[in-house]
Amino acid sequence: MATVDELQKDHEARLDTFLAGMTGKGGESDWALARALVHRAVHLTAARKSAEFCAIATFLAEMVGHAHQLMHSGGDPAKAHHDVVH
């Protein structure tokens, strides 16, 4: 039986193919797509009760740190921070 990490890699590979035609239409479009994916993922997980709330919250928190690291790697670190206020 495949592990969650192995299943995730497989899903991500299929998503890469699916998303290839949906990205690159501008920053706002890519941001809207990212928001839609996260929103649908939360609904899918809640509807199917495939993870506990704490697991979802922990994973989302890890992804926030991951996004921050990705946006600050290489180049000018200040470029990652725009005028978006939480």
Protein backbone atom coordinates (compact mmCIF):
# COMPACT_ATOMS: atom_id res chain seq x y z
CA MET A 1 0.00 0.00 0.00
CA ALA A 2 1.30 3.44 -0.94
CA THR A 3 2.12 5.99 1.74
CA VAL A 4 0.50 9.42 1.91
CA ASP A 5 3.75 10.96 0.65
CA GLU A 6 3.83 8.59 -2.34
CA LEU A 7 0.17 9.27 -3.12
CA GLN A 8 0.78 13.01 -2.83
CA LYS A 9 3.66 12.83 -5.33
CA ASP A 10 1.44 10.93 -7.78
CA HIS A 11 -1.41 13.43 -7.38
CA GLU A 12 0.98 16.37 -7.79
CA ALA A 13 2.39 14.90 -11.02
CA ARG A 14 -1.13 14.57 -12.45
CA LEU A 15 -2.03 18.06 -11.25
CA ASP A 16 1.08 19.48 -12.98
CA THR A 17 -0.22 18.19 -16.31
CA PHE A 18 -3.76 19.41 -15.64
CA LEU A 19 -2.66 22.84 -14.40
CA ALA A 20 -0.18 23.49 -17.23
CA GLY A 21 -2.95 24.92 -19.39
CA MET A 22 -4.43 27.00 -16.59
CA THR A 23 -1.36 28.95 -15.43
CA GLY A 24 0.60 31.81 -16.91
CA LYS A 25 -2.38 34.08 -17.57
CA GLY A 26 -1.13 36.76 -15.22
CA GLY A 27 -0.46 37.18 -11.54
CA GLU A 28 -4.08 37.71 -10.52
CA SER A 29 -5.21 34.65 -12.44
CA ASP A 30 -2.47 32.46 -10.96
CA TRP A 31 -3.29 33.74 -7.46
CA ALA A 32 -7.00 33.06 -8.01
CA LEU A 33 -6.14 29.54 -9.18
CA ALA A 34 -4.00 28.91 -6.08
CA ARG A 35 -6.79 30.17 -3.84
CA ALA A 36 -9.35 27.99 -5.63
CA LEU A 37 -7.16 24.90 -5.28
CA VAL A 38 -6.63 25.43 -1.55
CA HIS A 39 -10.33 26.19 -1.00
CA ARG A 40 -11.47 23.10 -2.91
CA ALA A 41 -8.86 20.96 -1.12
CA VAL A 42 -10.21 22.03 2.26
CA HIS A 43 -13.79 21.27 1.16
CA LEU A 44 -12.76 17.88 -0.27
CA THR A 45 -10.99 16.92 2.95
CA ALA A 46 -13.85 18.08 5.17
CA ALA A 47 -16.59 16.47 3.04
CA ARG A 48 -14.80 13.13 2.90
CA LYS A 49 -13.51 13.39 6.47
CA SER A 50 -10.16 12.21 5.14
CA ALA A 51 -8.14 14.07 7.78
CA GLU A 52 -8.64 15.50 11.23
CA PHE A 53 -8.96 19.28 11.61
CA CYS A 54 -5.61 19.47 13.42
CA ALA A 55 -3.89 17.67 10.53
CA ILE A 56 -5.36 20.16 8.04
CA ALA A 57 -4.35 23.14 10.19
CA THR A 58 -0.83 21.79 10.71
CA PHE A 59 -0.34 21.10 7.00
CA LEU A 60 -1.60 24.56 6.01
CA ALA A 61 0.76 26.14 8.54
CA GLU A 62 3.66 24.14 7.09
CA MET A 63 2.69 25.34 3.60
CA VAL A 64 2.76 28.97 4.77
CA GLY A 65 6.36 28.50 5.89
CA HIS A 66 7.15 26.64 2.67
CA ALA A 67 5.70 29.45 0.53
CA HIS A 68 7.71 32.03 2.45
CA GLN A 69 10.91 30.07 1.89
CA LEU A 70 10.18 29.61 -1.83
CA MET A 71 9.45 33.30 -2.32
CA HIS A 72 12.66 34.35 -0.56
CA SER A 73 15.07 31.92 -2.17
CA GLY A 74 17.61 33.54 -4.47
CA GLY A 75 17.44 37.02 -5.91
CA ASP A 76 16.14 40.00 -3.99
CA PRO A 77 14.41 38.81 -0.81
CA ALA A 78 12.38 42.02 -0.59
CA LYS A 79 10.52 41.19 -3.81
CA ALA A 80 8.49 38.52 -2.03
CA HIS A 81 6.71 41.13 0.09
CA HIS A 82 4.18 43.20 -1.80
CA ASP A 83 1.60 45.60 -0.47
CA VAL A 84 -0.70 42.75 0.54
CA VAL A 85 -1.76 43.04 4.16
CA HIS A 86 -3.19 40.02 5.98
